[in-house]
Amino acid sequence: MPRGSAPGERRGGRQKGTPNRPAPVRAFLDGAGVNPVERLIALAKRAESAGQIALAADIWSKLAALAYPRPQPATPPAITDPQDSL
């Protein structure tokens, strides 16, 4: 019995036209006038001023993950044969 799907056949996943899950959440937050990033910044500052450094560090690290992409692992240079350069 052949395995896999025929070309062009879909077997799973989201139905066509289904919105991404974050879209309704974003719409709700926008309608409520809430900006989660601004709230997190305010919470981090409040935690710092209250001496809750661990909580503030956790919030700042989560915000940094949103603002700055993760560095990609360095790829080693291709090893060339020393005899080729002669």
C-alpha atoms as a PDB file:
ATOM      1  CA  MET A   1       0.000   0.000   0.000  1.00  0.00           C
ATOM      2  CA  PRO A   2       1.538   3.374  -0.956  1.00  0.00           C
ATOM      3  CA  ARG A   3       2.234   5.807   1.831  1.00  0.00           C
ATOM      4  CA  GLY A   4       1.978   9.574   1.807  1.00  0.00           C
ATOM      5  CA  SER A   5      -0.359  11.873  -0.017  1.00  0.00           C
ATOM      6  CA  ALA A   6      -0.947  12.317  -3.693  1.00  0.00           C
ATOM      7  CA  PRO A   7       0.355  15.516  -5.284  1.00  0.00           C
ATOM      8  CA  GLY A   8      -1.954  18.378  -4.344  1.00  0.00           C
ATOM      9  CA  GLU A   9      -3.793  16.380  -1.677  1.00  0.00           C
ATOM     10  CA  ARG A  10      -4.174  17.906   1.771  1.00  0.00           C
ATOM     11  CA  ARG A  11      -4.562  15.655   4.771  1.00  0.00           C
ATOM     12  CA  GLY A  12      -4.439  17.897   7.781  1.00  0.00           C
ATOM     13  CA  GLY A  13      -3.802  21.309   9.190  1.00  0.00           C
ATOM     14  CA  ARG A  14      -5.999  24.347   9.371  1.00  0.00           C
ATOM     15  CA  GLN A  15      -8.973  24.724   7.123  1.00  0.00           C
ATOM     16  CA  LYS A  16      -8.582  27.311   4.400  1.00  0.00           C
ATOM     17  CA  GLY A  17      -9.632  30.770   5.594  1.00  0.00           C
ATOM     18  CA  THR A  18      -9.209  30.067   9.320  1.00  0.00           C
ATOM     19  CA  PRO A  19      -7.483  33.072  10.930  1.00  0.00           C
ATOM     20  CA  ASN A  20      -4.358  32.710  13.030  1.00  0.00           C
ATOM     21  CA  ARG A  21      -5.033  32.373  16.734  1.00  0.00           C
ATOM     22  CA  PRO A  22      -3.369  35.683  17.754  1.00  0.00           C
ATOM     23  CA  ALA A  23      -5.570  37.740  15.409  1.00  0.00           C
ATOM     24  CA  PRO A  24      -8.695  37.754  17.638  1.00  0.00           C
ATOM     25  CA  VAL A  25      -6.586  38.400  20.748  1.00  0.00           C
ATOM     26  CA  ARG A  26      -4.904  41.371  19.098  1.00  0.00           C
ATOM     27  CA  ALA A  27      -8.269  42.702  17.965  1.00  0.00           C
ATOM     28  CA  PHE A  28      -9.626  42.405  21.510  1.00  0.00           C
ATOM     29  CA  LEU A  29      -6.597  44.172  23.028  1.00  0.00           C
ATOM     30  CA  ASP A  30      -6.754  46.938  20.425  1.00  0.00           C
ATOM     31  CA  GLY A  31     -10.463  47.420  21.108  1.00  0.00           C
ATOM     32  CA  ALA A  32      -9.826  47.610  24.843  1.00  0.00           C
ATOM     33  CA  GLY A  33      -6.999  50.122  24.331  1.00  0.00           C
ATOM     34  CA  VAL A  34      -4.454  47.833  25.990  1.00  0.00           C
ATOM     35  CA  ASN A  35      -0.840  47.656  24.866  1.00  0.00           C
ATOM     36  CA  PRO A  36       0.760  44.584  26.520  1.00  0.00           C
ATOM     37  CA  VAL A  37       4.310  45.803  25.909  1.00  0.00           C
ATOM     38  CA  GLU A  38       3.641  49.115  27.659  1.00  0.00           C
ATOM     39  CA  ARG A  39       2.057  47.241  30.567  1.00  0.00           C
ATOM     40  CA  LEU A  40       5.041  44.912  30.859  1.00  0.00           C
ATOM     41  CA  ILE A  41       7.430  47.858  30.886  1.00  0.00           C
ATOM     42  CA  ALA A  42       5.412  49.511  33.667  1.00  0.00           C
ATOM     43  CA  LEU A  43       5.387  46.253  35.658  1.00  0.00           C
ATOM     44  CA  ALA A  44       9.143  45.810  35.256  1.00  0.00           C
ATOM     45  CA  LYS A  45       9.819  49.361  36.441  1.00  0.00           C
ATOM     46  CA  ARG A  46       7.480  48.901  39.407  1.00  0.00           C
ATOM     47  CA  ALA A  47       9.160  45.599  40.313  1.00  0.00           C
ATOM     48  CA  GLU A  48      12.596  47.252  40.170  1.00  0.00           C
ATOM     49  CA  SER A  49      11.537  50.123  42.407  1.00  0.00           C
ATOM     50  CA  ALA A  50       9.997  47.650  44.894  1.00  0.00           C
ATOM     51  CA  GLY A  51      13.255  45.684  45.041  1.00  0.00           C
ATOM     52  CA  GLN A  52      11.860  42.624  43.243  1.00  0.00           C
ATOM     53  CA  ILE A  53      14.889  42.220  41.029  1.00  0.00           C
ATOM     54  CA  ALA A  54      14.178  38.613  39.993  1.00  0.00           C
ATOM     55  CA  LEU A  55      10.703  39.530  38.750  1.00  0.00           C
ATOM     56  CA  ALA A  56      12.008  42.618  36.953  1.00  0.00           C
ATOM     57  CA  ALA A  57      14.790  40.603  35.304  1.00  0.00           C
ATOM     58  CA  ASP A  58      12.263  38.011  34.126  1.00  0.00           C
ATOM     59  CA  ILE A  59      10.039  40.688  32.591  1.00  0.00           C
ATOM     60  CA  TRP A  60      12.954  42.506  30.948  1.00  0.00           C
ATOM     61  CA  SER A  61      14.239  39.234  29.453  1.00  0.00           C
ATOM     62  CA  LYS A  62      10.808  38.513  27.970  1.00  0.00           C
ATOM     63  CA  LEU A  63      10.693  42.013  26.485  1.00  0.00           C
ATOM     64  CA  ALA A  64      14.215  41.636  25.103  1.00  0.00           C
ATOM     65  CA  ALA A  65      13.154  38.438  23.347  1.00  0.00           C
ATOM     66  CA  LEU A  66      10.450  40.444  21.566  1.00  0.00           C
ATOM     67  CA  ALA A  67      12.740  43.325  20.632  1.00  0.00           C
ATOM     68  CA  TYR A  68      15.938  41.547  19.618  1.00  0.00           C
ATOM     69  CA  PRO A  69      16.172  38.404  17.464  1.00  0.00           C
ATOM     70  CA  ARG A  70      18.115  35.423  18.717  1.00  0.00           C
ATOM     71  CA  PRO A  71      21.583  35.205  17.236  1.00  0.00           C
ATOM     72  CA  GLN A  72      22.019  32.363  14.805  1.00  0.00           C
ATOM     73  CA  PRO A  73      24.681  29.780  15.591  1.00  0.00           C
ATOM     74  CA  ALA A  74      27.976  30.532  13.955  1.00  0.00           C
ATOM     75  CA  THR A  75      28.804  28.319  11.026  1.00  0.00           C
ATOM     76  CA  PRO A  76      32.414  27.226  10.878  1.00  0.00           C
ATOM     77  CA  PRO A  77      34.306  28.245   7.754  1.00  0.00           C
ATOM     78  CA  ALA A  78      34.611  25.619   5.072  1.00  0.00           C
ATOM     79  CA  ILE A  79      37.736  23.550   5.454  1.00  0.00           C
ATOM     80  CA  THR A  80      39.778  23.657   2.306  1.00  0.00           C
ATOM     81  CA  ASP A  81      42.600  21.409   1.378  1.00  0.00           C
ATOM     82  CA  PRO A  82      45.923  23.271   1.853  1.00  0.00           C
ATOM     83  CA  GLN A  83      47.190  21.617  -1.308  1.00  0.00           C
ATOM     84  CA  ASP A  84      44.529  23.424  -3.369  1.00  0.00           C
ATOM     85  CA  SER A  85      46.022  26.844  -2.662  1.00  0.00           C
ATOM     86  CA  LEU A  86      49.419  25.932  -4.093  1.00  0.00           C
END
